[in-house]
Amino acid sequence: MDRTDEAWQREIERRASHYDDLDARAAWEGRMGAVDYLAIVLLTALLVVGFWVWGH
């Protein structure tokens, strides 16, 4: 295995351990919840209706 492959393997292991730590703590900072998705849907609908009204 050359140096580049070894470096990538270490990077993959580092990232995997980071996700394992997050999973063990059950702390997914920044995770979107139901309220976030509802807000996105409502804002999207408002944007679509707004442009539709503006176009007529």
PDB file of N, CA and C in Angstrom:
ATOM      1  N   MET A   1       0.860  -1.173   0.000  1.00  0.00           N
ATOM      2  CA  MET A   1       0.000   0.000   0.000  1.00  0.00           C
ATOM      3  C   MET A   1       0.905   1.236   0.000  1.00  0.00           C
ATOM      4  N   ASP A   2       0.633   2.170  -0.878  1.00  0.00           N
ATOM      5  CA  ASP A   2       1.484   3.358  -0.914  1.00  0.00           C
ATOM      6  C   ASP A   2       1.019   4.399   0.103  1.00  0.00           C
ATOM      7  N   ARG A   3       1.757   5.479   0.171  1.00  0.00           N
ATOM      8  CA  ARG A   3       1.485   6.501   1.186  1.00  0.00           C
ATOM      9  C   ARG A   3       0.114   7.147   1.031  1.00  0.00           C
ATOM     10  N   THR A   4      -0.300   7.369  -0.200  1.00  0.00           N
ATOM     11  CA  THR A   4      -1.604   7.987  -0.439  1.00  0.00           C
ATOM     12  C   THR A   4      -2.721   7.087   0.062  1.00  0.00           C
ATOM     13  N   ASP A   5      -2.623   5.799  -0.228  1.00  0.00           N
ATOM     14  CA  ASP A   5      -3.641   4.855   0.242  1.00  0.00           C
ATOM     15  C   ASP A   5      -3.671   4.795   1.760  1.00  0.00           C
ATOM     16  N   GLU A   6      -2.503   4.815   2.383  1.00  0.00           N
ATOM     17  CA  GLU A   6      -2.446   4.786   3.847  1.00  0.00           C
ATOM     18  C   GLU A   6      -3.060   6.050   4.439  1.00  0.00           C
ATOM     19  N   ALA A   7      -2.792   7.179   3.822  1.00  0.00           N
ATOM     20  CA  ALA A   7      -3.360   8.441   4.304  1.00  0.00           C
ATOM     21  C   ALA A   7      -4.876   8.429   4.179  1.00  0.00           C
ATOM     22  N   TRP A   8      -5.374   7.928   3.055  1.00  0.00           N
ATOM     23  CA  TRP A   8      -6.828   7.850   2.877  1.00  0.00           C
ATOM     24  C   TRP A   8      -7.443   6.875   3.867  1.00  0.00           C
ATOM     25  N   GLN A   9      -6.782   5.772   4.119  1.00  0.00           N
ATOM     26  CA  GLN A   9      -7.305   4.793   5.076  1.00  0.00           C
ATOM     27  C   GLN A   9      -7.392   5.413   6.474  1.00  0.00           C
ATOM     28  N   ARG A  10      -6.370   6.166   6.869  1.00  0.00           N
ATOM     29  CA  ARG A  10      -6.404   6.846   8.171  1.00  0.00           C
ATOM     30  C   ARG A  10      -7.534   7.871   8.215  1.00  0.00           C
ATOM     31  N   GLU A  11      -7.725   8.595   7.105  1.00  0.00           N
ATOM     32  CA  GLU A  11      -8.792   9.596   7.059  1.00  0.00           C
ATOM     33  C   GLU A  11     -10.168   8.936   7.163  1.00  0.00           C
ATOM     34  N   ILE A  12     -10.360   7.843   6.482  1.00  0.00           N
ATOM     35  CA  ILE A  12     -11.634   7.119   6.553  1.00  0.00           C
ATOM     36  C   ILE A  12     -11.880   6.612   7.968  1.00  0.00           C
ATOM     37  N   GLU A  13     -10.851   6.068   8.597  1.00  0.00           N
ATOM     38  CA  GLU A  13     -10.989   5.589   9.974  1.00  0.00           C
ATOM     39  C   GLU A  13     -11.286   6.740  10.929  1.00  0.00           C
ATOM     40  N   ARG A  14     -10.651   7.893  10.705  1.00  0.00           N
ATOM     41  CA  ARG A  14     -10.898   9.061  11.551  1.00  0.00           C
ATOM     42  C   ARG A  14     -12.353   9.512  11.432  1.00  0.00           C
ATOM     43  N   ARG A  15     -12.848   9.568  10.203  1.00  0.00           N
ATOM     44  CA  ARG A  15     -14.242   9.982   9.995  1.00  0.00           C
ATOM     45  C   ARG A  15     -15.216   8.969  10.590  1.00  0.00           C
ATOM     46  N   ALA A  16     -14.939   7.697  10.410  1.00  0.00           N
ATOM     47  CA  ALA A  16     -15.816   6.658  10.956  1.00  0.00           C
ATOM     48  C   ALA A  16     -15.853   6.736  12.476  1.00  0.00           C
ATOM     49  N   SER A  17     -14.709   6.970  13.108  1.00  0.00           N
ATOM     50  CA  SER A  17     -14.694   7.063  14.570  1.00  0.00           C
ATOM     51  C   SER A  17     -15.457   8.296  15.037  1.00  0.00           C
ATOM     52  N   HIS A  18     -15.408   9.367  14.260  1.00  0.00           N
ATOM     53  CA  HIS A  18     -16.165  10.570  14.605  1.00  0.00           C
ATOM     54  C   HIS A  18     -17.669  10.274  14.602  1.00  0.00           C
ATOM     55  N   TYR A  19     -18.147   9.589  13.566  1.00  0.00           N
ATOM     56  CA  TYR A  19     -19.567   9.238  13.511  1.00  0.00           C
ATOM     57  C   TYR A  19     -19.937   8.236  14.598  1.00  0.00           C
ATOM     58  N   ASP A  20     -19.046   7.332  14.931  1.00  0.00           N
ATOM     59  CA  ASP A  20     -19.299   6.407  16.036  1.00  0.00           C
ATOM     60  C   ASP A  20     -19.441   7.165  17.351  1.00  0.00           C
ATOM     61  N   ASP A  21     -18.597   8.173  17.565  1.00  0.00           N
ATOM     62  CA  ASP A  21     -18.695   8.988  18.783  1.00  0.00           C
ATOM     63  C   ASP A  21     -20.022   9.733  18.834  1.00  0.00           C
ATOM     64  N   LEU A  22     -20.421  10.322  17.712  1.00  0.00           N
ATOM     65  CA  LEU A  22     -21.706  11.024  17.670  1.00  0.00           C
ATOM     66  C   LEU A  22     -22.864  10.079  17.955  1.00  0.00           C
ATOM     67  N   ASP A  23     -22.811   8.900  17.369  1.00  0.00           N
ATOM     68  CA  ASP A  23     -23.874   7.922  17.566  1.00  0.00           C
ATOM     69  C   ASP A  23     -23.929   7.462  19.013  1.00  0.00           C
ATOM     70  N   ALA A  24     -22.784   7.288  19.644  1.00  0.00           N
ATOM     71  CA  ALA A  24     -22.743   6.839  21.036  1.00  0.00           C
ATOM     72  C   ALA A  24     -23.307   7.899  21.978  1.00  0.00           C
ATOM     73  N   ARG A  25     -23.085   9.164  21.651  1.00  0.00           N
ATOM     74  CA  ARG A  25     -23.599  10.247  22.492  1.00  0.00           C
ATOM     75  C   ARG A  25     -25.046  10.586  22.161  1.00  0.00           C
ATOM     76  N   ALA A  26     -25.556  10.084  21.062  1.00  0.00           N
ATOM     77  CA  ALA A  26     -26.904  10.422  20.580  1.00  0.00           C
ATOM     78  C   ALA A  26     -27.044  11.937  20.469  1.00  0.00           C
ATOM     79  N   ALA A  27     -25.992  12.578  19.997  1.00  0.00           N
ATOM     80  CA  ALA A  27     -25.981  14.037  19.893  1.00  0.00           C
ATOM     81  C   ALA A  27     -25.672  14.428  18.458  1.00  0.00           C
ATOM     82  N   TRP A  28     -26.694  14.468  17.646  1.00  0.00           N
ATOM     83  CA  TRP A  28     -26.503  14.864  16.256  1.00  0.00           C
ATOM     84  C   TRP A  28     -26.844  16.335  16.135  1.00  0.00           C
ATOM     85  N   GLU A  29     -25.889  17.197  16.492  1.00  0.00           N
ATOM     86  CA  GLU A  29     -26.096  18.635  16.398  1.00  0.00           C
ATOM     87  C   GLU A  29     -26.412  19.011  14.955  1.00  0.00           C
ATOM     88  N   GLY A  30     -27.391  19.874  14.800  1.00  0.00           N
ATOM     89  CA  GLY A  30     -27.750  20.312  13.469  1.00  0.00           C
ATOM     90  C   GLY A  30     -28.731  19.397  12.758  1.00  0.00           C
ATOM     91  N   ARG A  31     -29.140  18.320  13.407  1.00  0.00           N
ATOM     92  CA  ARG A  31     -30.090  17.399  12.776  1.00  0.00           C
ATOM     93  C   ARG A  31     -31.438  18.092  12.645  1.00  0.00           C
ATOM     94  N   MET A  32     -32.060  17.922  11.509  1.00  0.00           N
ATOM     95  CA  MET A  32     -33.352  18.547  11.276  1.00  0.00           C
ATOM     96  C   MET A  32     -34.461  17.691  11.871  1.00  0.00           C
ATOM     97  N   GLY A  33     -35.424  18.353  12.477  1.00  0.00           N
ATOM     98  CA  GLY A  33     -36.567  17.668  13.058  1.00  0.00           C
ATOM     99  C   GLY A  33     -37.820  17.921  12.238  1.00  0.00           C
ATOM    100  N   ALA A  34     -38.943  17.452  12.743  1.00  0.00           N
ATOM    101  CA  ALA A  34     -40.213  17.585  12.034  1.00  0.00           C
ATOM    102  C   ALA A  34     -40.595  19.053  11.840  1.00  0.00           C
ATOM    103  N   VAL A  35     -40.327  19.882  12.841  1.00  0.00           N
ATOM    104  CA  VAL A  35     -40.666  21.307  12.740  1.00  0.00           C
ATOM    105  C   VAL A  35     -39.851  21.963  11.628  1.00  0.00           C
ATOM    106  N   ASP A  36     -38.594  21.584  11.507  1.00  0.00           N
ATOM    107  CA  ASP A  36     -37.747  22.144  10.450  1.00  0.00           C
ATOM    108  C   ASP A  36     -38.284  21.777   9.070  1.00  0.00           C
ATOM    109  N   TYR A  37     -38.653  20.516   8.892  1.00  0.00           N
ATOM    110  CA  TYR A  37     -39.187  20.085   7.597  1.00  0.00           C
ATOM    111  C   TYR A  37     -40.523  20.763   7.302  1.00  0.00           C
ATOM    112  N   LEU A  38     -41.355  20.920   8.307  1.00  0.00           N
ATOM    113  CA  LEU A  38     -42.632  21.609   8.120  1.00  0.00           C
ATOM    114  C   LEU A  38     -42.395  23.060   7.706  1.00  0.00           C
ATOM    115  N   ALA A  39     -41.436  23.718   8.329  1.00  0.00           N
ATOM    116  CA  ALA A  39     -41.123  25.101   7.975  1.00  0.00           C
ATOM    117  C   ALA A  39     -40.632  25.198   6.531  1.00  0.00           C
ATOM    118  N   ILE A  40     -39.826  24.248   6.098  1.00  0.00           N
ATOM    119  CA  ILE A  40     -39.344  24.254   4.712  1.00  0.00           C
ATOM    120  C   ILE A  40     -40.504  24.088   3.740  1.00  0.00           C
ATOM    121  N   VAL A  41     -41.418  23.179   4.041  1.00  0.00           N
ATOM    122  CA  VAL A  41     -42.576  22.958   3.171  1.00  0.00           C
ATOM    123  C   VAL A  41     -43.434  24.218   3.103  1.00  0.00           C
ATOM    124  N   LEU A  42     -43.683  24.833   4.255  1.00  0.00           N
ATOM    125  CA  LEU A  42     -44.511  26.042   4.265  1.00  0.00           C
ATOM    126  C   LEU A  42     -43.840  27.199   3.522  1.00  0.00           C
ATOM    127  N   LEU A  43     -42.561  27.385   3.730  1.00  0.00           N
ATOM    128  CA  LEU A  43     -41.859  28.458   3.021  1.00  0.00           C
ATOM    129  C   LEU A  43     -41.808  28.205   1.517  1.00  0.00           C
ATOM    130  N   THR A  44     -41.659  26.948   1.125  1.00  0.00           N
ATOM    131  CA  THR A  44     -41.660  26.610  -0.297  1.00  0.00           C
ATOM    132  C   THR A  44     -43.027  26.899  -0.911  1.00  0.00           C
ATOM    133  N   ALA A  45     -44.090  26.502  -0.214  1.00  0.00           N
ATOM    134  CA  ALA A  45     -45.443  26.768  -0.706  1.00  0.00           C
ATOM    135  C   ALA A  45     -45.687  28.268  -0.806  1.00  0.00           C
ATOM    136  N   LEU A  46     -45.240  29.019   0.188  1.00  0.00           N
ATOM    137  CA  LEU A  46     -45.397  30.472   0.162  1.00  0.00           C
ATOM    138  C   LEU A  46     -44.641  31.079  -1.015  1.00  0.00           C
ATOM    139  N   LEU A  47     -43.456  30.596  -1.280  1.00  0.00           N
ATOM    140  CA  LEU A  47     -42.665  31.092  -2.405  1.00  0.00           C
ATOM    141  C   LEU A  47     -43.352  30.787  -3.735  1.00  0.00           C
ATOM    142  N   VAL A  48     -43.851  29.569  -3.892  1.00  0.00           N
ATOM    143  CA  VAL A  48     -44.522  29.183  -5.139  1.00  0.00           C
ATOM    144  C   VAL A  48     -45.775  30.017  -5.349  1.00  0.00           C
ATOM    145  N   VAL A  49     -46.588  30.159  -4.319  1.00  0.00           N
ATOM    146  CA  VAL A  49     -47.817  30.951  -4.433  1.00  0.00           C
ATOM    147  C   VAL A  49     -47.473  32.414  -4.698  1.00  0.00           C
ATOM    148  N   GLY A  50     -46.460  32.921  -4.031  1.00  0.00           N
ATOM    149  CA  GLY A  50     -46.056  34.311  -4.235  1.00  0.00           C
ATOM    150  C   GLY A  50     -45.649  34.584  -5.670  1.00  0.00           C
ATOM    151  N   PHE A  51     -44.842  33.709  -6.252  1.00  0.00           N
ATOM    152  CA  PHE A  51     -44.444  33.901  -7.647  1.00  0.00           C
ATOM    153  C   PHE A  51     -45.616  33.686  -8.595  1.00  0.00           C
ATOM    154  N   TRP A  52     -46.518  32.776  -8.255  1.00  0.00           N
ATOM    155  CA  TRP A  52     -47.689  32.551  -9.106  1.00  0.00           C
ATOM    156  C   TRP A  52     -48.567  33.801  -9.121  1.00  0.00           C
ATOM    157  N   VAL A  53     -48.800  34.394  -7.948  1.00  0.00           N
ATOM    158  CA  VAL A  53     -49.609  35.616  -7.862  1.00  0.00           C
ATOM    159  C   VAL A  53     -48.905  36.761  -8.582  1.00  0.00           C
ATOM    160  N   TRP A  54     -47.619  36.869  -8.420  1.00  0.00           N
ATOM    161  CA  TRP A  54     -46.845  37.937  -9.055  1.00  0.00           C
ATOM    162  C   TRP A  54     -46.905  37.821 -10.585  1.00  0.00           C
ATOM    163  N   GLY A  55     -46.972  36.595 -11.097  1.00  0.00           N
ATOM    164  CA  GLY A  55     -46.999  36.373 -12.538  1.00  0.00           C
ATOM    165  C   GLY A  55     -48.352  36.616 -13.175  1.00  0.00           C
ATOM    166  N   HIS A  56     -49.388  36.711 -12.375  1.00  0.00           N
ATOM    167  CA  HIS A  56     -50.727  36.915 -12.952  1.00  0.00           C
ATOM    168  C   HIS A  56     -51.172  38.317 -12.813  1.00  0.00           C
TER     169      HIS A  56
END
